Protein backbone atom coordinates (compact mmCIF):
# COMPACT_ATOMS: atom_id res chain seq x y z
CA MET A 1 -42.80 95.38 -89.24
CA ILE A 2 -42.01 92.09 -90.99
CA ARG A 3 -45.00 90.39 -89.36
CA PHE A 4 -47.28 93.29 -90.29
CA ASN A 5 -46.18 93.25 -93.92
CA GLY A 6 -46.55 89.47 -94.11
CA LEU A 7 -50.08 89.69 -92.75
CA ILE A 8 -51.08 92.37 -95.28
CA ALA A 9 -49.69 90.34 -98.19
CA SER A 10 -51.37 87.20 -96.91
CA ARG A 11 -54.82 88.80 -96.82
CA TYR A 12 -54.51 89.86 -100.44
CA PHE A 13 -52.93 86.57 -101.51
CA SER A 14 -56.12 84.52 -101.70
CA ALA A 15 -57.94 87.32 -103.54
CA GLY A 16 -55.25 87.36 -106.18
CA ILE A 17 -55.72 83.68 -107.00
CA SER A 18 -59.14 84.08 -108.60
CA ASN A 19 -57.96 87.05 -110.68
CA GLU A 20 -54.95 85.21 -112.07
CA GLN A 21 -56.22 81.62 -112.31
CA LYS A 22 -56.83 81.80 -116.07
CA THR A 23 -53.17 82.62 -116.59
CA VAL A 24 -51.63 80.49 -113.84
CA ARG A 25 -52.56 76.85 -113.40
CA GLY A 26 -50.98 74.20 -111.20
CA VAL A 27 -47.85 72.52 -112.48
CA THR A 28 -45.98 71.03 -109.53
CA SER A 29 -43.71 68.47 -111.15
CA VAL A 30 -40.39 70.23 -111.73
CA ASP A 31 -36.70 69.48 -111.89
CA ALA A 32 -35.56 68.84 -108.34
CA ASP A 33 -32.07 70.09 -109.15
CA ALA A 34 -33.22 73.34 -110.72
CA PRO A 35 -31.93 76.47 -108.92
CA ILE A 36 -34.43 78.48 -106.93
CA ASN A 37 -34.59 81.65 -109.01
CA PHE A 38 -37.69 83.79 -108.89
CA PRO A 39 -39.13 84.56 -112.35
CA PRO A 40 -40.14 87.86 -113.95
CA THR A 41 -43.28 89.04 -112.22
CA ASP A 42 -45.12 89.82 -115.43
CA ALA A 43 -47.33 86.82 -116.24
CA ALA A 44 -47.42 87.93 -119.87
CA SER A 45 -43.69 87.25 -120.12
CA GLN A 46 -44.42 83.51 -119.82
CA SER A 47 -44.32 81.59 -123.08
CA SER A 48 -47.73 80.77 -124.50
CA ASP A 49 -46.65 77.11 -124.65
CA THR A 50 -45.59 76.84 -121.01
CA GLU A 51 -47.16 77.38 -117.64
CA PRO A 52 -45.30 78.70 -114.59
CA ARG A 53 -44.04 76.19 -112.07
CA PHE A 54 -45.41 76.02 -108.54
CA LEU A 55 -42.79 78.28 -106.99
CA GLU A 56 -43.25 80.76 -109.83
CA GLN A 57 -47.00 80.75 -109.24
CA VAL A 58 -46.46 81.66 -105.61
CA GLN A 59 -44.20 84.54 -106.65
CA LEU A 60 -46.79 85.81 -109.14
CA PHE A 61 -49.60 85.71 -106.58
CA VAL A 62 -47.50 87.44 -103.93
CA ASP A 63 -46.49 90.15 -106.37
CA HIS A 64 -50.16 90.63 -107.29
CA ALA A 65 -51.10 90.97 -103.62
CA ALA A 66 -48.16 93.26 -102.87
CA SER A 67 -49.19 95.61 -105.69
CA LYS A 68 -52.22 96.50 -103.56
CA THR A 69 -50.06 97.42 -100.56
CA ASN A 70 -47.26 99.86 -99.79
CA ILE A 71 -44.69 97.16 -99.06
CA PRO A 72 -41.28 98.33 -100.34
CA GLN A 73 -39.58 96.10 -102.90
CA ASP A 74 -36.63 95.37 -100.64
CA MET A 75 -38.97 94.20 -97.87
CA LEU A 76 -40.98 92.15 -100.37
CA LYS A 77 -37.84 90.36 -101.53
CA TYR A 78 -37.00 89.56 -97.92
CA ILE A 79 -40.51 88.26 -97.23
CA MET A 80 -40.34 85.90 -100.22
CA ALA A 81 -36.79 84.65 -99.66
CA CYS A 82 -36.49 81.26 -97.98
CA ASP A 83 -34.22 81.52 -94.94
CA HIS A 84 -32.98 77.90 -94.81
CA VAL A 85 -33.24 75.12 -97.40
CA LEU A 86 -31.92 71.62 -96.85
CA ARG A 87 -31.53 68.79 -99.37
CA PHE A 88 -29.74 65.55 -98.57
CA GLN A 89 -29.59 61.84 -99.39
CA ILE A 90 -30.14 58.90 -97.05
CA PRO A 91 -29.23 55.23 -97.70
CA VAL A 92 -31.72 52.67 -96.35
CA LYS A 93 -31.56 48.88 -96.61
CA ARG A 94 -34.76 47.37 -97.98
CA ASP A 95 -36.28 44.06 -96.87
CA ASN A 96 -34.55 42.25 -99.74
CA GLY A 97 -31.12 43.52 -98.64
CA VAL A 98 -30.75 46.10 -101.43
CA ILE A 99 -29.60 49.55 -100.32
CA GLU A 100 -31.70 52.33 -101.83
CA THR A 101 -30.90 56.04 -101.71
CA PHE A 102 -33.68 58.54 -101.01
CA THR A 103 -33.69 62.29 -101.64
CA CYS A 104 -34.94 64.32 -98.68
CA TYR A 105 -35.91 67.97 -98.18
CA ARG A 106 -36.71 70.51 -95.49
CA ALA A 107 -37.29 74.22 -96.01
CA GLN A 108 -37.64 76.82 -93.25
CA HIS A 109 -39.18 79.80 -95.00
CA LYS A 110 -39.12 82.48 -92.32
CA HIS A 111 -37.62 82.78 -88.83
CA HIS A 112 -39.49 85.94 -87.79
CA PHE A 113 -41.33 83.70 -85.30
CA MET A 114 -39.87 80.53 -83.84
CA PRO A 115 -40.27 77.65 -84.01
CA VAL A 116 -41.15 77.14 -87.64
CA LYS A 117 -43.99 74.73 -88.41
CA GLY A 118 -44.91 72.68 -91.46
CA GLY A 119 -45.90 69.31 -92.85
CA THR A 120 -43.85 66.30 -93.88
CA ARG A 121 -44.73 64.93 -97.31
CA TYR A 122 -43.89 61.50 -98.76
CA SER A 123 -44.40 61.67 -102.52
CA PRO A 124 -42.56 60.47 -105.64
CA ASP A 125 -43.12 63.95 -107.09
CA MET A 126 -41.47 65.80 -104.18
CA THR A 127 -38.97 68.42 -105.37
CA LEU A 128 -36.92 71.23 -103.92
CA GLN A 129 -38.99 73.82 -105.78
CA GLU A 130 -42.23 72.39 -104.39
CA THR A 131 -40.81 72.26 -100.87
CA VAL A 132 -39.85 75.94 -100.91
CA ALA A 133 -43.19 76.95 -102.43
CA LEU A 134 -45.19 75.04 -99.81
CA ALA A 135 -43.03 76.43 -96.99
CA SER A 136 -43.71 79.99 -98.14
CA LEU A 137 -47.45 79.30 -98.36
CA MET A 138 -47.29 77.95 -94.82
CA THR A 139 -45.86 81.26 -93.63
CA PHE A 140 -48.77 83.17 -95.16
CA LYS A 141 -51.37 80.76 -93.77
CA LEU A 142 -49.96 81.09 -90.27
CA MET A 143 -49.94 84.88 -90.53
CA VAL A 144 -53.55 85.02 -91.71
CA ALA A 145 -54.56 82.83 -88.76
CA ASN A 146 -52.40 84.95 -86.41
CA ILE A 147 -50.43 81.89 -85.29
CA PRO A 148 -46.93 82.84 -84.06
CA PHE A 149 -44.84 80.38 -86.08
CA GLY A 150 -42.73 80.65 -89.20
CA GLY A 151 -43.60 78.48 -92.19
CA ALA A 152 -41.79 75.27 -93.13
CA LYS A 153 -42.23 72.15 -95.23
CA GLY A 154 -40.30 68.98 -95.90
CA GLY A 155 -40.44 65.40 -97.01
CA ILE A 156 -38.93 62.50 -98.91
CA ARG A 157 -39.19 61.71 -102.60
CA PHE A 158 -40.70 58.22 -102.66
CA ASP A 159 -44.05 56.43 -102.79
CA PRO A 160 -44.69 54.87 -99.36
CA SER A 161 -47.40 52.59 -100.78
CA LYS A 162 -44.70 50.62 -102.63
CA TYR A 163 -42.72 49.86 -99.47
CA SER A 164 -43.40 47.64 -96.47
CA GLN A 165 -44.25 49.15 -93.12
CA ALA A 166 -40.84 48.14 -91.79
CA GLU A 167 -39.14 49.89 -94.71
CA VAL A 168 -41.18 53.07 -94.25
CA GLU A 169 -40.27 53.06 -90.57
CA ARG A 170 -36.55 52.74 -91.31
CA ILE A 171 -36.73 55.52 -93.91
CA THR A 172 -38.62 57.76 -91.48
CA ARG A 173 -36.23 57.20 -88.58
CA LYS A 174 -33.17 57.79 -90.78
CA TYR A 175 -34.73 61.00 -92.12
CA THR A 176 -35.40 62.17 -88.57
CA MET A 177 -31.84 61.46 -87.42
CA GLU A 178 -30.41 63.47 -90.30
CA LEU A 179 -32.76 66.38 -89.59
CA ALA A 180 -31.69 66.29 -85.96
CA LYS A 181 -27.99 66.34 -86.89
CA LYS A 182 -28.56 69.44 -88.97
CA GLY A 183 -30.80 71.26 -86.46
CA PHE A 184 -33.93 71.00 -88.62
CA ILE A 185 -36.21 69.45 -86.01
CA GLY A 186 -37.05 70.30 -82.42
CA PRO A 187 -39.82 71.84 -80.30
CA GLN A 188 -37.86 75.08 -80.11
CA SER A 189 -36.73 75.21 -83.74
CA ASP A 190 -38.77 73.20 -86.29
CA VAL A 191 -42.00 71.31 -85.57
CA LEU A 192 -42.96 68.69 -88.16
CA GLY A 193 -46.54 67.70 -88.96
CA PRO A 194 -48.36 65.23 -91.22
CA ASP A 195 -49.00 65.91 -94.89
CA MET A 196 -49.52 63.94 -98.10
CA GLY A 197 -48.30 60.36 -97.67
CA THR A 198 -47.77 60.61 -93.90
CA ASN A 199 -50.00 59.88 -90.91
CA GLU A 200 -50.04 59.67 -87.13
CA GLN A 201 -47.92 56.50 -87.12
CA ILE A 202 -45.16 58.18 -89.11
CA MET A 203 -45.34 61.24 -86.85
CA THR A 204 -44.98 58.93 -83.85
CA TRP A 205 -41.88 57.29 -85.35
CA ILE A 206 -40.39 60.76 -85.83
CA LYS A 207 -41.23 61.72 -82.27
CA ASP A 208 -39.80 58.49 -80.86
CA THR A 209 -36.55 58.92 -82.78
CA TYR A 210 -36.14 62.51 -81.65
CA PHE A 211 -37.02 61.57 -78.06
CA TYR A 212 -34.41 58.80 -78.13
CA LEU A 213 -31.78 61.37 -79.12
CA TYR A 214 -32.74 64.31 -76.89
CA GLY A 215 -35.54 63.28 -74.54
CA GLU A 216 -33.30 62.96 -71.51
CA ASN A 217 -32.34 66.63 -71.65
CA GLN A 218 -35.44 68.21 -73.22
CA ILE A 219 -38.61 68.14 -71.17
CA ASN A 220 -40.66 69.19 -74.21
CA ALA A 221 -39.06 66.75 -76.67
CA ASP A 222 -42.48 65.30 -77.58
CA GLY A 223 -43.35 68.69 -79.06
CA CYS A 224 -41.07 68.11 -82.04
CA VAL A 225 -44.10 66.94 -84.07
CA THR A 226 -47.85 67.38 -84.26
CA GLY A 227 -50.37 64.78 -85.40
CA LYS A 228 -48.77 61.92 -83.46
CA LEU A 229 -50.56 59.07 -81.72
CA ILE A 230 -51.80 59.82 -78.20
CA GLY A 231 -50.99 57.41 -75.39
């Protein structure tokens, strides 16, 4: 039932974008510490001087799509709610010996199918609100494509172009170890993929770190990421 409702909403989701785009435009830079509260669904209730944030846009589009279906409100609230959200800090020593703290995220939007699947983004504009919004969009994309995974998204708030390759590797491996400690990575639970600011080398570092931790006991440990180097 949940999968069916998600698929119906997803098919109407893209159609709703063109109808609402004059009212809702992209604003993705938001306060990372802001609580995740869904807004009023009436776009007219937005101030004329402000535009809805990314997560609010997703809610508006889903509500628009759901209005063309018979999905009950209680089921709609469940579909939109993010099942697991993780935010944590990691300390990493830079090449000059200075310890810098990085804010990290991972959101698992829906567990109706496991594992969940979603990209890993390295961006100085990464926020909790953006992470949850992208994870929910991933759920809808997977449903439209009839791929049996739940949606997820994660990343680290920093600009990798301003760090050396060795520093990016240390940040990536530390991020992976913390995800593993908290059960937010694994071929059976949460499969990471590349996204903005990440590539096949970063995916390979993630895979290697996870394999080092669990490879002896998990025959499919390499499946913890997609987009990794082959060979």
